[in-house]
Amino acid sequence: MRVLIVEDDVGIATGLAATLKATGYAVDVTPTLALASAALGVEPFDLVLLDLNLPDGDGLAWLRQVRRSGSAMPVLIMTARDALPDRVAGLDEGADDYLVKPFEPEELLARMRAALRRSEGRASPLLRHGDLVLDPAAHSVLKNGEPVALRAKEYALLLALLRGSGQVLSRQRLEQALYGFDEVLDSNALEVHMHHLRRKLGDGLVKTVRGVGYFVPNPDAKGTA
């Protein structure tokens, strides 16, 4: 999953990015609203972490513009503004959640997972596909009740495919979900991750649409739980 951090404090941004990357997110950081808009213009993001006091404007005004554009992308505000009117205004302008600094990383990660679930219309915290269960909170994968050891990119790839179950995801979209702007991407990296994922989970899980991309069939279409 691809996350954009809009934060001008280098220390906070660096710490957040390290925490999210360690949890399997692909992360990009922008210190200004102008750069955030530019990033959204060239890449799809699954979620934005937004500071409010930024060098080139107020994050609330920027969020208002994002929502007026029709975007339903989850946005979590993280700010030192702790007054009740500020919290109410942030939520009313379209934020999915509002965190007051300082906050614990565990709480931020839990709120991110909740916002992503809501954006996907899911109530369960688990992603299930037949005998496969992925738990984003525990960062674990079980197959037939047995744990499956996946590397970070393999896990991120499986998560992207399960979140888009039933949809064909292009190579470009999957690469965008797995890699940030500052990460070096080998030309065959996606194929390597896909090969390892199929070896560990079986060839039947991920289907290939030649010249288009990959997908995990919707289990409901097969009548499975």
C-alpha atoms as a PDB file:
ATOM      1  CA  MET A   1       0.000   0.000   0.000  1.00  0.00           C
ATOM      2  CA  ARG A   2       1.233   3.462  -0.901  1.00  0.00           C
ATOM      3  CA  VAL A   3       1.107   6.229   1.727  1.00  0.00           C
ATOM      4  CA  LEU A   4       1.866   9.924   1.302  1.00  0.00           C
ATOM      5  CA  ILE A   5       3.129  11.815   4.357  1.00  0.00           C
ATOM      6  CA  VAL A   6       2.626  15.589   4.141  1.00  0.00           C
ATOM      7  CA  GLU A   7       4.842  16.910   6.952  1.00  0.00           C
ATOM      8  CA  ASP A   8       7.470  19.651   7.034  1.00  0.00           C
ATOM      9  CA  ASP A   9       9.157  18.598  10.289  1.00  0.00           C
ATOM     10  CA  VAL A  10      12.046  16.451   9.047  1.00  0.00           C
ATOM     11  CA  GLY A  11      12.405  14.515  12.290  1.00  0.00           C
ATOM     12  CA  ILE A  12       8.717  13.598  12.480  1.00  0.00           C
ATOM     13  CA  ALA A  13       8.508  12.761   8.778  1.00  0.00           C
ATOM     14  CA  THR A  14      11.633  10.582   8.884  1.00  0.00           C
ATOM     15  CA  GLY A  15      10.428   8.698  11.949  1.00  0.00           C
ATOM     16  CA  LEU A  16       6.962   8.128  10.492  1.00  0.00           C
ATOM     17  CA  ALA A  17       8.371   6.962   7.170  1.00  0.00           C
ATOM     18  CA  ALA A  18      10.689   4.480   8.901  1.00  0.00           C
ATOM     19  CA  THR A  19       7.815   3.102  11.012  1.00  0.00           C
ATOM     20  CA  LEU A  20       5.525   2.666   8.026  1.00  0.00           C
ATOM     21  CA  LYS A  21       8.199   1.111   5.807  1.00  0.00           C
ATOM     22  CA  ALA A  22       9.028  -1.372   8.572  1.00  0.00           C
ATOM     23  CA  THR A  23       5.349  -2.360   8.556  1.00  0.00           C
ATOM     24  CA  GLY A  24       5.313  -2.960   4.802  1.00  0.00           C
ATOM     25  CA  TYR A  25       3.982   0.321   3.427  1.00  0.00           C
ATOM     26  CA  ALA A  26       5.496   2.077   0.431  1.00  0.00           C
ATOM     27  CA  VAL A  27       6.031   5.658   1.625  1.00  0.00           C
ATOM     28  CA  ASP A  28       6.634   9.067   0.077  1.00  0.00           C
ATOM     29  CA  VAL A  29       7.162  12.314   1.994  1.00  0.00           C
ATOM     30  CA  THR A  30       6.424  15.864   0.875  1.00  0.00           C
ATOM     31  CA  PRO A  31       7.122  18.941   3.066  1.00  0.00           C
ATOM     32  CA  THR A  32       4.656  21.235   1.281  1.00  0.00           C
ATOM     33  CA  LEU A  33       1.099  21.166  -0.018  1.00  0.00           C
ATOM     34  CA  ALA A  34       2.253  22.049  -3.531  1.00  0.00           C
ATOM     35  CA  LEU A  35       4.506  18.994  -3.646  1.00  0.00           C
ATOM     36  CA  ALA A  36       1.716  16.856  -2.176  1.00  0.00           C
ATOM     37  CA  SER A  37      -0.613  17.947  -4.989  1.00  0.00           C
ATOM     38  CA  ALA A  38       2.097  17.201  -7.532  1.00  0.00           C
ATOM     39  CA  ALA A  39       2.627  13.721  -6.068  1.00  0.00           C
ATOM     40  CA  LEU A  40      -1.096  12.955  -6.184  1.00  0.00           C
ATOM     41  CA  GLY A  41      -1.111  14.095  -9.779  1.00  0.00           C
ATOM     42  CA  VAL A  42       1.367  11.452 -10.925  1.00  0.00           C
ATOM     43  CA  GLU A  43       0.828   8.472  -8.595  1.00  0.00           C
ATOM     44  CA  PRO A  44      -2.171   6.806  -6.916  1.00  0.00           C
ATOM     45  CA  PHE A  45      -1.962   6.722  -3.120  1.00  0.00           C
ATOM     46  CA  ASP A  46      -4.014   4.559  -0.787  1.00  0.00           C
ATOM     47  CA  LEU A  47      -3.875   6.979   2.138  1.00  0.00           C
ATOM     48  CA  VAL A  48      -2.529  10.418   3.124  1.00  0.00           C
ATOM     49  CA  LEU A  49      -1.162  11.499   6.510  1.00  0.00           C
ATOM     50  CA  LEU A  50      -1.638  15.256   6.609  1.00  0.00           C
ATOM     51  CA  ASP A  51      -0.123  17.879   8.877  1.00  0.00           C
ATOM     52  CA  LEU A  52      -2.052  21.155   9.032  1.00  0.00           C
ATOM     53  CA  ASN A  53       0.584  23.847   9.633  1.00  0.00           C
ATOM     54  CA  LEU A  54       2.635  23.732   6.446  1.00  0.00           C
ATOM     55  CA  PRO A  55       4.990  26.321   4.903  1.00  0.00           C
ATOM     56  CA  ASP A  56       2.775  27.064   1.914  1.00  0.00           C
ATOM     57  CA  GLY A  57      -0.673  26.989   3.478  1.00  0.00           C
ATOM     58  CA  ASP A  58      -3.233  25.368   5.738  1.00  0.00           C
ATOM     59  CA  GLY A  59      -3.764  21.636   5.372  1.00  0.00           C
ATOM     60  CA  LEU A  60      -7.505  22.033   5.941  1.00  0.00           C
ATOM     61  CA  ALA A  61      -7.887  24.215   2.853  1.00  0.00           C
ATOM     62  CA  TRP A  62      -5.902  21.669   0.851  1.00  0.00           C
ATOM     63  CA  LEU A  63      -8.084  18.828   2.152  1.00  0.00           C
ATOM     64  CA  ARG A  64     -11.192  20.790   1.168  1.00  0.00           C
ATOM     65  CA  GLN A  65      -9.895  21.011  -2.395  1.00  0.00           C
ATOM     66  CA  VAL A  66      -9.092  17.291  -2.467  1.00  0.00           C
ATOM     67  CA  ARG A  67     -12.638  16.418  -1.412  1.00  0.00           C
ATOM     68  CA  ARG A  68     -14.172  18.877  -3.866  1.00  0.00           C
ATOM     69  CA  SER A  69     -12.254  17.120  -6.641  1.00  0.00           C
ATOM     70  CA  GLY A  70     -14.248  13.988  -5.825  1.00  0.00           C
ATOM     71  CA  SER A  71     -11.428  12.001  -4.247  1.00  0.00           C
ATOM     72  CA  ALA A  72     -12.494   9.497  -1.589  1.00  0.00           C
ATOM     73  CA  MET A  73      -8.915   8.581  -0.674  1.00  0.00           C
ATOM     74  CA  PRO A  74      -8.542   8.201   3.110  1.00  0.00           C
ATOM     75  CA  VAL A  75      -6.876  11.217   4.760  1.00  0.00           C
ATOM     76  CA  LEU A  76      -5.747  11.215   8.387  1.00  0.00           C
ATOM     77  CA  ILE A  77      -4.891  14.551   9.961  1.00  0.00           C
ATOM     78  CA  MET A  78      -1.946  14.580  12.388  1.00  0.00           C
ATOM     79  CA  THR A  79      -1.402  17.914  14.091  1.00  0.00           C
ATOM     80  CA  ALA A  80      -0.610  19.741  17.310  1.00  0.00           C
ATOM     81  CA  ARG A  81      -3.945  21.573  17.090  1.00  0.00           C
ATOM     82  CA  ASP A  82      -5.858  19.939  19.915  1.00  0.00           C
ATOM     83  CA  ALA A  83      -8.779  22.321  20.468  1.00  0.00           C
ATOM     84  CA  LEU A  84     -12.251  20.875  20.007  1.00  0.00           C
ATOM     85  CA  PRO A  85     -13.217  23.335  17.208  1.00  0.00           C
ATOM     86  CA  ASP A  86     -10.092  22.287  15.263  1.00  0.00           C
ATOM     87  CA  ARG A  87     -10.906  18.590  15.618  1.00  0.00           C
ATOM     88  CA  VAL A  88     -14.505  19.140  14.564  1.00  0.00           C
ATOM     89  CA  ALA A  89     -13.451  21.287  11.590  1.00  0.00           C
ATOM     90  CA  GLY A  90     -10.949  18.683  10.433  1.00  0.00           C
ATOM     91  CA  LEU A  91     -13.513  15.896  10.440  1.00  0.00           C
ATOM     92  CA  ASP A  92     -16.191  18.086   8.849  1.00  0.00           C
ATOM     93  CA  GLU A  93     -13.832  19.044   6.030  1.00  0.00           C
ATOM     94  CA  GLY A  94     -13.472  15.393   5.074  1.00  0.00           C
ATOM     95  CA  ALA A  95     -10.719  13.881   7.219  1.00  0.00           C
ATOM     96  CA  ASP A  96     -11.232  10.207   8.023  1.00  0.00           C
ATOM     97  CA  ASP A  97      -9.553  10.626  11.389  1.00  0.00           C
ATOM     98  CA  TYR A  98      -7.802  13.251  13.501  1.00  0.00           C
ATOM     99  CA  LEU A  99      -4.724  12.533  15.625  1.00  0.00           C
ATOM    100  CA  VAL A 100      -3.195  15.042  18.003  1.00  0.00           C
ATOM    101  CA  LYS A 101       0.603  15.066  18.282  1.00  0.00           C
ATOM    102  CA  PRO A 102       2.349  13.423  19.976  1.00  0.00           C
ATOM    103  CA  PHE A 103       0.793  10.008  19.370  1.00  0.00           C
ATOM    104  CA  GLU A 104       2.016   6.437  19.619  1.00  0.00           C
ATOM    105  CA  PRO A 105       2.946   4.666  16.372  1.00  0.00           C
ATOM    106  CA  GLU A 106       0.742   1.695  17.298  1.00  0.00           C
ATOM    107  CA  GLU A 107      -2.327   3.936  17.495  1.00  0.00           C
ATOM    108  CA  LEU A 108      -1.531   5.582  14.171  1.00  0.00           C
ATOM    109  CA  LEU A 109      -1.141   2.199  12.464  1.00  0.00           C
ATOM    110  CA  ALA A 110      -4.434   0.963  13.932  1.00  0.00           C
ATOM    111  CA  ARG A 111      -6.276   4.097  12.779  1.00  0.00           C
ATOM    112  CA  MET A 112      -4.765   3.724   9.309  1.00  0.00           C
ATOM    113  CA  ARG A 113      -5.966   0.123   9.097  1.00  0.00           C
ATOM    114  CA  ALA A 114      -9.453   1.185  10.208  1.00  0.00           C
ATOM    115  CA  ALA A 115      -9.587   3.989   7.623  1.00  0.00           C
ATOM    116  CA  LEU A 116      -8.487   1.620   4.862  1.00  0.00           C
ATOM    117  CA  ARG A 117     -11.112  -0.945   5.887  1.00  0.00           C
ATOM    118  CA  ARG A 118     -13.843   1.688   5.737  1.00  0.00           C
ATOM    119  CA  SER A 119     -12.656   2.878   2.326  1.00  0.00           C
ATOM    120  CA  GLU A 120     -12.947  -0.690   1.035  1.00  0.00           C
ATOM    121  CA  GLY A 121     -16.326  -1.328   2.640  1.00  0.00           C
ATOM    122  CA  ARG A 122     -14.935  -4.037   4.917  1.00  0.00           C
ATOM    123  CA  ALA A 123     -15.955  -4.599   8.525  1.00  0.00           C
ATOM    124  CA  SER A 124     -13.595  -7.465   9.279  1.00  0.00           C
ATOM    125  CA  PRO A 125      -9.972  -6.631  10.107  1.00  0.00           C
ATOM    126  CA  LEU A 126      -8.910  -9.843   8.347  1.00  0.00           C
ATOM    127  CA  LEU A 127      -8.589 -10.495   4.621  1.00  0.00           C
ATOM    128  CA  ARG A 128      -9.734 -14.009   3.736  1.00  0.00           C
ATOM    129  CA  HIS A 129      -9.542 -15.981   0.519  1.00  0.00           C
ATOM    130  CA  GLY A 130     -10.478 -19.625   0.840  1.00  0.00           C
ATOM    131  CA  ASP A 131      -7.980 -21.237   3.207  1.00  0.00           C
ATOM    132  CA  LEU A 132      -5.804 -18.104   3.205  1.00  0.00           C
ATOM    133  CA  VAL A 133      -6.029 -15.480   5.977  1.00  0.00           C
ATOM    134  CA  LEU A 134      -4.044 -12.243   6.059  1.00  0.00           C
ATOM    135  CA  ASP A 135      -4.019 -10.222   9.271  1.00  0.00           C
ATOM    136  CA  PRO A 136      -2.752  -6.642   8.641  1.00  0.00           C
ATOM    137  CA  ALA A 137      -2.520  -5.883  12.366  1.00  0.00           C
ATOM    138  CA  ALA A 138      -0.314  -8.897  13.098  1.00  0.00           C
ATOM    139  CA  HIS A 139       1.400  -8.642   9.693  1.00  0.00           C
ATOM    140  CA  SER A 140       0.827 -12.372   9.324  1.00  0.00           C
ATOM    141  CA  VAL A 141      -0.416 -14.828   6.715  1.00  0.00           C
ATOM    142  CA  LEU A 142      -1.939 -18.228   7.439  1.00  0.00           C
ATOM    143  CA  LYS A 143      -2.704 -20.976   4.928  1.00  0.00           C
ATOM    144  CA  ASN A 144      -4.767 -23.887   6.221  1.00  0.00           C
ATOM    145  CA  GLY A 145      -4.045 -22.519   9.704  1.00  0.00           C
ATOM    146  CA  GLU A 146      -0.287 -22.689   9.223  1.00  0.00           C
ATOM    147  CA  PRO A 147       1.901 -19.550   9.125  1.00  0.00           C
ATOM    148  CA  VAL A 148       3.489 -18.594   5.823  1.00  0.00           C
ATOM    149  CA  ALA A 149       6.764 -16.659   5.949  1.00  0.00           C
ATOM    150  CA  LEU A 150       6.730 -13.860   3.386  1.00  0.00           C
ATOM    151  CA  ARG A 151       9.314 -11.200   2.702  1.00  0.00           C
ATOM    152  CA  ALA A 152       8.241  -7.564   2.965  1.00  0.00           C
ATOM    153  CA  LYS A 153       7.551  -7.038  -0.746  1.00  0.00           C
ATOM    154  CA  GLU A 154       5.861 -10.429  -1.074  1.00  0.00           C
ATOM    155  CA  TYR A 155       3.543  -9.518   1.785  1.00  0.00           C
ATOM    156  CA  ALA A 156       2.837  -6.089   0.271  1.00  0.00           C
ATOM    157  CA  LEU A 157       2.091  -7.697  -3.100  1.00  0.00           C
ATOM    158  CA  LEU A 158      -0.310 -10.215  -1.560  1.00  0.00           C
ATOM    159  CA  LEU A 159      -2.036  -7.468   0.408  1.00  0.00           C
ATOM    160  CA  ALA A 160      -2.539  -5.376  -2.732  1.00  0.00           C
ATOM    161  CA  LEU A 161      -3.947  -8.362  -4.630  1.00  0.00           C
ATOM    162  CA  LEU A 162      -6.324  -9.381  -1.831  1.00  0.00           C
ATOM    163  CA  ARG A 163      -7.534  -5.811  -1.325  1.00  0.00           C
ATOM    164  CA  GLY A 164      -8.351  -5.722  -5.022  1.00  0.00           C
ATOM    165  CA  SER A 165      -9.802  -9.243  -5.120  1.00  0.00           C
ATOM    166  CA  GLY A 166     -11.687  -9.789  -8.357  1.00  0.00           C
ATOM    167  CA  GLN A 167      -9.999  -6.860 -10.103  1.00  0.00           C
ATOM    168  CA  VAL A 168      -7.188  -7.119 -12.615  1.00  0.00           C
ATOM    169  CA  LEU A 169      -4.313  -4.963 -11.364  1.00  0.00           C
ATOM    170  CA  SER A 170      -1.818  -3.786 -13.944  1.00  0.00           C
ATOM    171  CA  ARG A 171       1.910  -4.231 -13.505  1.00  0.00           C
ATOM    172  CA  GLN A 172       2.225  -0.455 -13.124  1.00  0.00           C
ATOM    173  CA  ARG A 173      -0.433  -0.302 -10.405  1.00  0.00           C
ATOM    174  CA  LEU A 174       1.223  -3.088  -8.436  1.00  0.00           C
ATOM    175  CA  GLU A 175       4.643  -1.462  -8.744  1.00  0.00           C
ATOM    176  CA  GLN A 176       3.122   1.824  -7.542  1.00  0.00           C
ATOM    177  CA  ALA A 177       1.694   0.026  -4.517  1.00  0.00           C
ATOM    178  CA  LEU A 178       5.038  -1.559  -3.640  1.00  0.00           C
ATOM    179  CA  TYR A 179       7.613   1.157  -4.304  1.00  0.00           C
ATOM    180  CA  GLY A 180       8.038   4.798  -3.335  1.00  0.00           C
ATOM    181  CA  PHE A 181       9.646   7.492  -5.468  1.00  0.00           C
ATOM    182  CA  ASP A 182      13.045   6.994  -3.817  1.00  0.00           C
ATOM    183  CA  GLU A 183      13.205   3.198  -4.194  1.00  0.00           C
ATOM    184  CA  VAL A 184      15.178   1.579  -6.991  1.00  0.00           C
ATOM    185  CA  LEU A 185      13.026  -0.768  -9.054  1.00  0.00           C
ATOM    186  CA  ASP A 186      14.597  -3.522 -11.138  1.00  0.00           C
ATOM    187  CA  SER A 187      12.818  -4.253 -14.409  1.00  0.00           C
ATOM    188  CA  ASN A 188      11.879  -7.800 -13.377  1.00  0.00           C
ATOM    189  CA  ALA A 189      11.353  -7.167  -9.656  1.00  0.00           C
ATOM    190  CA  LEU A 190       7.580  -7.676  -9.772  1.00  0.00           C
ATOM    191  CA  GLU A 191       7.917 -10.980 -11.617  1.00  0.00           C
ATOM    192  CA  VAL A 192      10.447 -12.192  -9.034  1.00  0.00           C
ATOM    193  CA  HIS A 193       8.127 -11.323  -6.130  1.00  0.00           C
ATOM    194  CA  MET A 194       5.208 -12.968  -7.945  1.00  0.00           C
ATOM    195  CA  HIS A 195       7.242 -16.138  -8.530  1.00  0.00           C
ATOM    196  CA  HIS A 196       8.125 -16.421  -4.835  1.00  0.00           C
ATOM    197  CA  LEU A 197       4.537 -15.692  -3.785  1.00  0.00           C
ATOM    198  CA  ARG A 198       3.175 -18.435  -6.037  1.00  0.00           C
ATOM    199  CA  ARG A 199       5.821 -20.879  -4.840  1.00  0.00           C
ATOM    200  CA  LYS A 200       4.808 -20.290  -1.207  1.00  0.00           C
ATOM    201  CA  LEU A 201       1.029 -20.090  -1.676  1.00  0.00           C
ATOM    202  CA  GLY A 202       0.407 -22.255  -4.729  1.00  0.00           C
ATOM    203  CA  ASP A 203       0.003 -21.489  -8.407  1.00  0.00           C
ATOM    204  CA  GLY A 204      -3.786 -21.314  -8.255  1.00  0.00           C
ATOM    205  CA  LEU A 205      -4.120 -18.153  -6.167  1.00  0.00           C
ATOM    206  CA  VAL A 206      -2.882 -15.431  -8.516  1.00  0.00           C
ATOM    207  CA  LYS A 207      -4.042 -15.429 -12.132  1.00  0.00           C
ATOM    208  CA  THR A 208      -2.246 -13.735 -15.030  1.00  0.00           C
ATOM    209  CA  VAL A 209      -4.002 -11.787 -17.762  1.00  0.00           C
ATOM    210  CA  ARG A 210      -1.369 -11.594 -20.453  1.00  0.00           C
ATOM    211  CA  GLY A 211      -0.489  -8.072 -21.464  1.00  0.00           C
ATOM    212  CA  VAL A 212      -2.780  -6.634 -18.769  1.00  0.00           C
ATOM    213  CA  GLY A 213      -1.804  -7.690 -15.258  1.00  0.00           C
ATOM    214  CA  TYR A 214      -2.610 -10.008 -12.368  1.00  0.00           C
ATOM    215  CA  PHE A 215      -5.598 -10.743 -10.192  1.00  0.00           C
ATOM    216  CA  VAL A 216      -6.893 -12.906  -7.377  1.00  0.00           C
ATOM    217  CA  PRO A 217     -10.357 -14.235  -8.312  1.00  0.00           C
ATOM    218  CA  ASN A 218     -13.176 -13.087  -6.064  1.00  0.00           C
ATOM    219  CA  PRO A 219     -13.908 -16.130  -3.867  1.00  0.00           C
ATOM    220  CA  ASP A 220     -17.619 -15.238  -3.799  1.00  0.00           C
ATOM    221  CA  ALA A 221     -17.748 -15.899  -7.536  1.00  0.00           C
ATOM    222  CA  LYS A 222     -16.729 -19.470  -6.802  1.00  0.00           C
ATOM    223  CA  GLY A 223     -19.044 -19.837  -3.866  1.00  0.00           C
ATOM    224  CA  THR A 224     -16.203 -20.096  -1.345  1.00  0.00           C
ATOM    225  CA  ALA A 225     -15.946 -18.196   1.928  1.00  0.00           C
END
